[in-house]
Amino acid sequence: MKYITEIIVEKPIDEVMELFKNPEYLKFWQRGLKSTKLLKGVSGEKGAKRKLNIRLEGRDITMIETITKCELPNHWHAKYTSKGMVSYQYNYFEKTPENHTYWKTTSEFKFSGFMRIVGKVLPGLFKKRSETVMKDFKKFAEKGITVSDY
């Protein structure tokens, strides 16, 4: 399964990057994030691995994030693995003429086991989650509203 999501964040790209790349801010815009732990490498750099514990749709999920490309402010790509799923997130950022930030993400999922059924029956669930994460980031970047505020 593959899809694209996009949003305009009404902040300059440099400000967006400061918030996006700082792992201390993840808890403010990653809904359901319970904890993170750097496993390997330098946080935010290519090759870094991070363990993420997330509560999604009533389930606790452990994911391993591996940064596969980090050329900020324009590109940030990562691979996420968890039981029954591998996800690739390709993030692209551009400065708009209004000095805002255009953020586009291409998401690709590969499922195995029980998750194949979930992926076929509820494909919209994954895109909706991606859109929610982007909207939550936008609220945090523009207005300082965090996911714990709602």
C-alpha atoms as a PDB file:
ATOM      1  CA  MET A   1       0.000   0.000   0.000  1.00  0.00           C
ATOM      2  CA  LYS A   2       1.300   3.444  -0.918  1.00  0.00           C
ATOM      3  CA  TYR A   3      -0.125   6.962  -0.569  1.00  0.00           C
ATOM      4  CA  ILE A   4       0.856  10.628  -0.370  1.00  0.00           C
ATOM      5  CA  THR A   5      -0.090  13.188   2.274  1.00  0.00           C
ATOM      6  CA  GLU A   6       0.776  16.881   2.254  1.00  0.00           C
ATOM      7  CA  ILE A   7       0.304  20.018   4.318  1.00  0.00           C
ATOM      8  CA  ILE A   8       1.424  23.634   4.520  1.00  0.00           C
ATOM      9  CA  VAL A   9       2.939  24.684   7.840  1.00  0.00           C
ATOM     10  CA  GLU A  10       2.717  28.443   8.178  1.00  0.00           C
ATOM     11  CA  LYS A  11       6.233  28.835   9.534  1.00  0.00           C
ATOM     12  CA  PRO A  12       9.605  29.307   7.802  1.00  0.00           C
ATOM     13  CA  ILE A  13      11.387  26.089   6.884  1.00  0.00           C
ATOM     14  CA  ASP A  14      14.250  26.765   9.340  1.00  0.00           C
ATOM     15  CA  GLU A  15      11.801  26.957  12.254  1.00  0.00           C
ATOM     16  CA  VAL A  16       9.982  23.840  11.056  1.00  0.00           C
ATOM     17  CA  MET A  17      13.264  21.943  10.855  1.00  0.00           C
ATOM     18  CA  GLU A  18      14.219  22.889  14.422  1.00  0.00           C
ATOM     19  CA  LEU A  19      10.981  21.332  15.660  1.00  0.00           C
ATOM     20  CA  PHE A  20      10.925  18.360  13.273  1.00  0.00           C
ATOM     21  CA  LYS A  21      14.453  17.114  13.867  1.00  0.00           C
ATOM     22  CA  ASN A  22      14.532  17.467  17.660  1.00  0.00           C
ATOM     23  CA  PRO A  23      13.549  14.132  19.301  1.00  0.00           C
ATOM     24  CA  GLU A  24      12.634  15.958  22.517  1.00  0.00           C
ATOM     25  CA  TYR A  25       9.654  17.459  20.671  1.00  0.00           C
ATOM     26  CA  LEU A  26       8.243  14.164  19.344  1.00  0.00           C
ATOM     27  CA  LYS A  27       6.011  13.764  22.396  1.00  0.00           C
ATOM     28  CA  PHE A  28       4.331  17.072  21.555  1.00  0.00           C
ATOM     29  CA  TRP A  29       3.119  16.057  18.086  1.00  0.00           C
ATOM     30  CA  GLN A  30       3.293  12.246  17.892  1.00  0.00           C
ATOM     31  CA  ARG A  31      -0.071  11.184  19.279  1.00  0.00           C
ATOM     32  CA  GLY A  32       0.142   7.994  21.339  1.00  0.00           C
ATOM     33  CA  LEU A  33       3.922   8.123  21.768  1.00  0.00           C
ATOM     34  CA  LYS A  34       4.797   6.614  25.140  1.00  0.00           C
ATOM     35  CA  SER A  35       8.609   6.526  24.952  1.00  0.00           C
ATOM     36  CA  THR A  36      11.641   6.584  22.668  1.00  0.00           C
ATOM     37  CA  LYS A  37      15.151   5.244  23.056  1.00  0.00           C
ATOM     38  CA  LEU A  38      18.112   5.801  20.769  1.00  0.00           C
ATOM     39  CA  LEU A  39      19.602   2.385  19.971  1.00  0.00           C
ATOM     40  CA  LYS A  40      22.377   3.240  17.535  1.00  0.00           C
ATOM     41  CA  GLY A  41      24.083   6.211  15.929  1.00  0.00           C
ATOM     42  CA  VAL A  42      23.544   9.925  16.349  1.00  0.00           C
ATOM     43  CA  SER A  43      19.945  11.029  16.812  1.00  0.00           C
ATOM     44  CA  GLY A  44      18.486  12.443  13.613  1.00  0.00           C
ATOM     45  CA  GLU A  45      21.351  11.340  11.364  1.00  0.00           C
ATOM     46  CA  LYS A  46      21.398   8.722   8.623  1.00  0.00           C
ATOM     47  CA  GLY A  47      21.787   5.230  10.077  1.00  0.00           C
ATOM     48  CA  ALA A  48      20.430   6.140  13.520  1.00  0.00           C
ATOM     49  CA  LYS A  49      18.039   3.625  15.052  1.00  0.00           C
ATOM     50  CA  ARG A  50      15.397   4.486  17.618  1.00  0.00           C
ATOM     51  CA  LYS A  51      12.920   2.319  19.498  1.00  0.00           C
ATOM     52  CA  LEU A  52       9.448   3.857  19.667  1.00  0.00           C
ATOM     53  CA  ASN A  53       6.704   2.648  22.004  1.00  0.00           C
ATOM     54  CA  ILE A  54       3.353   3.890  20.744  1.00  0.00           C
ATOM     55  CA  ARG A  55      -0.275   3.326  21.698  1.00  0.00           C
ATOM     56  CA  LEU A  56      -2.286   3.138  18.467  1.00  0.00           C
ATOM     57  CA  GLU A  57      -5.942   2.272  18.144  1.00  0.00           C
ATOM     58  CA  GLY A  58      -5.952   0.804  21.652  1.00  0.00           C
ATOM     59  CA  ARG A  59      -2.864  -1.360  21.091  1.00  0.00           C
ATOM     60  CA  ASP A  60       0.682  -0.946  22.363  1.00  0.00           C
ATOM     61  CA  ILE A  61       3.139  -1.186  19.480  1.00  0.00           C
ATOM     62  CA  THR A  62       6.912  -1.213  19.478  1.00  0.00           C
ATOM     63  CA  MET A  63       8.555   0.087  16.323  1.00  0.00           C
ATOM     64  CA  ILE A  64      12.154   0.462  15.271  1.00  0.00           C
ATOM     65  CA  GLU A  65      12.884   3.615  13.282  1.00  0.00           C
ATOM     66  CA  THR A  66      15.939   3.627  11.035  1.00  0.00           C
ATOM     67  CA  ILE A  67      16.829   6.892   9.322  1.00  0.00           C
ATOM     68  CA  THR A  68      17.692   6.071   5.721  1.00  0.00           C
ATOM     69  CA  LYS A  69      18.275   9.593   4.390  1.00  0.00           C
ATOM     70  CA  CYS A  70      18.808  12.877   6.192  1.00  0.00           C
ATOM     71  CA  GLU A  71      19.388  15.877   3.967  1.00  0.00           C
ATOM     72  CA  LEU A  72      17.492  18.537   5.859  1.00  0.00           C
ATOM     73  CA  PRO A  73      15.926  20.922   5.237  1.00  0.00           C
ATOM     74  CA  ASN A  74      14.719  19.134   2.094  1.00  0.00           C
ATOM     75  CA  HIS A  75      14.658  15.355   2.668  1.00  0.00           C
ATOM     76  CA  TRP A  76      14.192  13.027   5.618  1.00  0.00           C
ATOM     77  CA  HIS A  77      13.432   9.349   5.034  1.00  0.00           C
ATOM     78  CA  ALA A  78      12.979   6.512   7.490  1.00  0.00           C
ATOM     79  CA  LYS A  79      12.076   2.855   7.694  1.00  0.00           C
ATOM     80  CA  TYR A  80       9.815   1.616  10.497  1.00  0.00           C
ATOM     81  CA  THR A  81       9.540  -2.030  11.457  1.00  0.00           C
ATOM     82  CA  SER A  82       7.115  -3.674  13.844  1.00  0.00           C
ATOM     83  CA  LYS A  83       5.397  -7.019  14.137  1.00  0.00           C
ATOM     84  CA  GLY A  84       3.683  -7.717  10.823  1.00  0.00           C
ATOM     85  CA  MET A  85       4.630  -4.434   9.149  1.00  0.00           C
ATOM     86  CA  VAL A  86       7.426  -2.524   7.493  1.00  0.00           C
ATOM     87  CA  SER A  87       6.764   1.110   6.629  1.00  0.00           C
ATOM     88  CA  TYR A  88       8.812   3.547   4.582  1.00  0.00           C
ATOM     89  CA  GLN A  89       8.281   7.269   5.089  1.00  0.00           C
ATOM     90  CA  TYR A  90       9.732   9.668   2.549  1.00  0.00           C
ATOM     91  CA  ASN A  91       9.438  13.264   3.788  1.00  0.00           C
ATOM     92  CA  TYR A  92      10.024  16.247   1.499  1.00  0.00           C
ATOM     93  CA  PHE A  93      10.086  19.879   2.596  1.00  0.00           C
ATOM     94  CA  GLU A  94      10.066  23.027   0.467  1.00  0.00           C
ATOM     95  CA  LYS A  95       9.971  26.735   1.174  1.00  0.00           C
ATOM     96  CA  THR A  96       6.853  28.363  -0.289  1.00  0.00           C
ATOM     97  CA  PRO A  97       6.736  31.886  -1.810  1.00  0.00           C
ATOM     98  CA  GLU A  98       4.973  33.021   1.389  1.00  0.00           C
ATOM     99  CA  ASN A  99       7.968  31.784   3.451  1.00  0.00           C
ATOM    100  CA  HIS A 100       5.913  28.881   4.787  1.00  0.00           C
ATOM    101  CA  THR A 101       6.842  25.211   4.581  1.00  0.00           C
ATOM    102  CA  TYR A 102       5.275  22.692   2.213  1.00  0.00           C
ATOM    103  CA  TRP A 103       5.596  19.176   3.661  1.00  0.00           C
ATOM    104  CA  LYS A 104       4.873  16.130   1.517  1.00  0.00           C
ATOM    105  CA  THR A 105       5.153  12.536   2.683  1.00  0.00           C
ATOM    106  CA  THR A 106       5.044   9.407   0.573  1.00  0.00           C
ATOM    107  CA  SER A 107       4.182   6.427   2.777  1.00  0.00           C
ATOM    108  CA  GLU A 108       4.631   2.822   1.756  1.00  0.00           C
ATOM    109  CA  PHE A 109       3.568  -0.183   3.816  1.00  0.00           C
ATOM    110  CA  LYS A 110       4.374  -3.872   3.504  1.00  0.00           C
ATOM    111  CA  PHE A 111       2.386  -6.246   5.671  1.00  0.00           C
ATOM    112  CA  SER A 112       2.786  -9.830   6.823  1.00  0.00           C
ATOM    113  CA  GLY A 113       0.713 -12.199   8.931  1.00  0.00           C
ATOM    114  CA  PHE A 114      -2.408 -10.769  10.551  1.00  0.00           C
ATOM    115  CA  MET A 115      -1.454  -7.250   9.473  1.00  0.00           C
ATOM    116  CA  ARG A 116      -2.136  -8.230   5.838  1.00  0.00           C
ATOM    117  CA  ILE A 117      -5.797  -8.496   6.749  1.00  0.00           C
ATOM    118  CA  VAL A 118      -5.755  -5.170   8.596  1.00  0.00           C
ATOM    119  CA  GLY A 119      -4.039  -3.501   5.612  1.00  0.00           C
ATOM    120  CA  LYS A 120      -6.658  -4.813   3.190  1.00  0.00           C
ATOM    121  CA  VAL A 121      -9.712  -4.227   5.371  1.00  0.00           C
ATOM    122  CA  LEU A 122      -8.724  -0.843   6.826  1.00  0.00           C
ATOM    123  CA  PRO A 123      -6.345   0.861   4.377  1.00  0.00           C
ATOM    124  CA  GLY A 124      -7.803   4.285   5.179  1.00  0.00           C
ATOM    125  CA  LEU A 125      -6.744   3.883   8.801  1.00  0.00           C
ATOM    126  CA  PHE A 126      -3.072   4.284   7.872  1.00  0.00           C
ATOM    127  CA  LYS A 127      -3.573   7.361   5.693  1.00  0.00           C
ATOM    128  CA  LYS A 128      -5.795   8.943   8.338  1.00  0.00           C
ATOM    129  CA  ARG A 129      -3.045   8.390  10.936  1.00  0.00           C
ATOM    130  CA  SER A 130      -0.485  10.045   8.634  1.00  0.00           C
ATOM    131  CA  GLU A 131      -2.788  13.024   8.090  1.00  0.00           C
ATOM    132  CA  THR A 132      -3.391  13.313  11.843  1.00  0.00           C
ATOM    133  CA  VAL A 133       0.346  13.325  12.581  1.00  0.00           C
ATOM    134  CA  MET A 134       0.897  16.106  10.031  1.00  0.00           C
ATOM    135  CA  LYS A 135      -2.002  18.166  11.408  1.00  0.00           C
ATOM    136  CA  ASP A 136      -0.724  17.661  14.958  1.00  0.00           C
ATOM    137  CA  PHE A 137       2.737  18.835  13.910  1.00  0.00           C
ATOM    138  CA  LYS A 138       1.198  21.890  12.205  1.00  0.00           C
ATOM    139  CA  LYS A 139      -0.713  22.818  15.398  1.00  0.00           C
ATOM    140  CA  PHE A 140       2.450  22.403  17.450  1.00  0.00           C
ATOM    141  CA  ALA A 141       4.646  24.406  15.056  1.00  0.00           C
ATOM    142  CA  GLU A 142       2.206  27.237  14.432  1.00  0.00           C
ATOM    143  CA  LYS A 143       0.448  27.616  17.768  1.00  0.00           C
ATOM    144  CA  GLY A 144       2.391  25.605  20.339  1.00  0.00           C
ATOM    145  CA  ILE A 145      -0.571  23.268  20.817  1.00  0.00           C
ATOM    146  CA  THR A 146       0.568  19.793  21.840  1.00  0.00           C
ATOM    147  CA  VAL A 147      -1.225  16.448  21.592  1.00  0.00           C
ATOM    148  CA  SER A 148      -1.573  16.444  25.381  1.00  0.00           C
ATOM    149  CA  ASP A 149      -3.688  19.615  25.064  1.00  0.00           C
ATOM    150  CA  TYR A 150      -6.565  17.654  23.472  1.00  0.00           C
END
